[in-house]
Structures are given as structure tokens and as C-alpha cells.
Protein backbone atom coordinates (compact mmCIF):
# COMPACT_ATOMS: atom_id res chain seq x y z
CA UNK A 1 25.26 -65.91 -10.71
CA UNK A 2 22.53 -66.44 -8.30
CA UNK A 3 25.28 -65.76 -5.55
CA UNK A 4 26.53 -62.47 -7.44
CA UNK A 5 22.79 -61.68 -8.04
CA UNK A 6 22.30 -62.04 -3.85
CA UNK A 7 25.17 -60.14 -3.41
CA UNK A 8 24.09 -57.37 -5.61
CA UNK A 9 20.74 -57.44 -4.45
CA UNK A 10 21.66 -56.84 -1.01
CA UNK A 11 24.04 -54.44 -1.42
CA UNK A 12 21.47 -52.11 -3.73
CA UNK A 13 18.98 -52.79 -0.58
CA UNK A 14 21.48 -51.73 1.63
CA UNK A 15 22.85 -48.72 -0.28
CA UNK A 16 19.04 -47.81 -0.70
CA UNK A 17 18.32 -47.35 2.85
CA UNK A 18 20.72 -45.61 3.61
CA UNK A 19 20.41 -43.07 0.68
CA UNK A 20 17.66 -40.55 2.14
CA UNK A 21 19.67 -40.48 5.94
CA UNK A 22 22.42 -39.65 3.71
CA UNK A 23 21.28 -36.95 1.61
CA UNK A 24 19.43 -35.62 4.55
CA UNK A 25 22.70 -35.06 6.13
CA UNK A 26 24.33 -33.63 3.85
CA UNK A 27 22.11 -31.24 2.89
CA UNK A 28 21.78 -30.40 6.71
CA UNK A 29 25.78 -29.70 6.54
CA UNK A 30 25.29 -27.50 3.26
CA UNK A 31 23.39 -25.74 4.66
CA UNK A 32 25.76 -25.06 7.19
CA UNK A 33 24.89 -27.33 10.60
CA UNK A 34 27.53 -29.19 11.91
CA UNK A 35 27.88 -32.85 11.37
CA UNK A 36 26.74 -33.89 14.97
CA UNK A 37 23.68 -32.24 14.50
CA UNK A 38 23.28 -32.69 11.18
CA UNK A 39 23.41 -36.04 12.00
CA UNK A 40 21.00 -36.24 14.82
CA UNK A 41 18.41 -34.57 13.09
CA UNK A 42 18.66 -36.53 9.25
CA UNK A 43 18.25 -39.31 11.88
CA UNK A 44 15.02 -37.88 13.58
CA UNK A 45 14.10 -36.37 10.02
CA UNK A 46 13.84 -39.86 7.92
CA UNK A 47 12.46 -41.84 11.20
CA UNK A 48 9.75 -39.24 11.01
CA UNK A 49 8.97 -38.13 7.53
CA UNK A 50 7.84 -39.98 4.19
CA UNK A 51 9.86 -39.81 1.03
CA UNK A 52 7.54 -37.49 -0.42
CA UNK A 53 8.04 -35.13 2.67
CA UNK A 54 11.64 -35.28 2.60
CA UNK A 55 11.56 -34.48 -1.40
CA UNK A 56 9.90 -31.39 -0.06
CA UNK A 57 12.34 -30.13 2.02
CA UNK A 58 14.55 -30.16 -1.11
CA UNK A 59 12.88 -27.28 -2.23
CA UNK A 60 14.41 -25.41 0.50
CA UNK A 61 17.97 -25.33 -1.89
CA UNK A 62 16.81 -21.84 -2.16
CA UNK A 63 19.04 -21.37 0.58
CA UNK A 64 21.93 -22.81 -0.67
CA UNK A 65 24.61 -20.32 -1.57
CA UNK A 66 23.23 -17.87 1.38
CA UNK A 67 25.39 -17.27 4.56
CA UNK A 68 23.21 -19.21 7.29
CA UNK A 69 24.99 -17.10 9.87
CA UNK A 70 22.92 -14.25 8.50
CA UNK A 71 19.36 -16.47 8.13
CA UNK A 72 17.32 -16.20 11.23
CA UNK A 73 15.27 -19.02 12.97
CA UNK A 74 12.53 -17.41 12.14
CA UNK A 75 13.36 -17.00 7.97
CA UNK A 76 13.84 -20.76 8.27
CA UNK A 77 10.64 -21.72 10.00
CA UNK A 78 8.75 -19.45 7.37
CA UNK A 79 10.38 -21.28 4.59
CA UNK A 80 10.02 -24.40 5.73
CA UNK A 81 6.02 -23.27 6.57
CA UNK A 82 5.64 -22.61 3.25
CA UNK A 83 5.81 -26.08 2.41
CA UNK A 84 2.54 -26.41 3.82
CA UNK A 85 2.80 -29.15 5.37
CA UNK A 86 2.53 -29.12 8.99
CA UNK A 87 3.98 -32.47 9.90
CA UNK A 88 7.77 -31.18 8.10
CA UNK A 89 7.38 -28.03 9.79
CA UNK A 90 7.02 -29.77 13.06
CA UNK A 91 9.43 -32.71 12.72
CA UNK A 92 12.08 -29.86 11.83
CA UNK A 93 11.20 -27.79 14.20
CA UNK A 94 11.36 -30.15 17.07
CA UNK A 95 14.72 -32.09 15.46
CA UNK A 96 16.52 -28.85 15.52
CA UNK A 97 15.52 -28.15 18.77
CA UNK A 98 16.20 -31.81 20.40
CA UNK A 99 19.59 -32.07 18.54
CA UNK A 100 20.80 -28.52 19.42
CA UNK A 101 20.09 -29.36 22.90
CA UNK A 102 21.84 -33.16 23.02
CA UNK A 103 25.30 -30.92 21.02
């Protein structure tokens, strides 16, 4: 019984660690970013932002359903700025730039 509980606990702990990055990567891909850029950005964002900040980013779901090719970088940054968290804006901006250059 203890062995099953330990295995379950370890599995839950591992899935909890992977969940934020997976969620961010999926959301970025849903927003129209390529898998490599989304993965790069998600990795950086999860390392640099708190869970509260990552949840604030979910407010950008308003972009979902829109053609991302028609949304300018300026508009995206304006919406990110509207979250009123300079750290989120800095991390999203720098991550996007760094990951786009790497690609």
C-alpha cells in the first residue's frame, strides 16, 4: 500500500511540475506561434514568472479565435501591458524576441 501511495505521489508531483509549462506552451501555440517558439517562450516564462503572473496571462485569451496574422506586435504588447504588470511585459517581450532570433 505504501509503495502505491509513493508512486502516486511521485506521479502527481511530476505532473504538477510539468503542467504550467505545458499550459503556457499550448496557449502560445493556440495563439498561432510555432511549436519551437512556443516551447522556447514557455520555458523562459515559467522560469521567470510566478503562477499568479502566469494566470494573469490567461486574460489574454481574448485573442483566441482571432487571426493572429492580423494582430500586430504593437497590439499584442498593448494587451500584455493592460495586465499592469511590468515584469510580465518584460518577460513576454524578451522571451518573444530571444526565441524568434533562436528559431
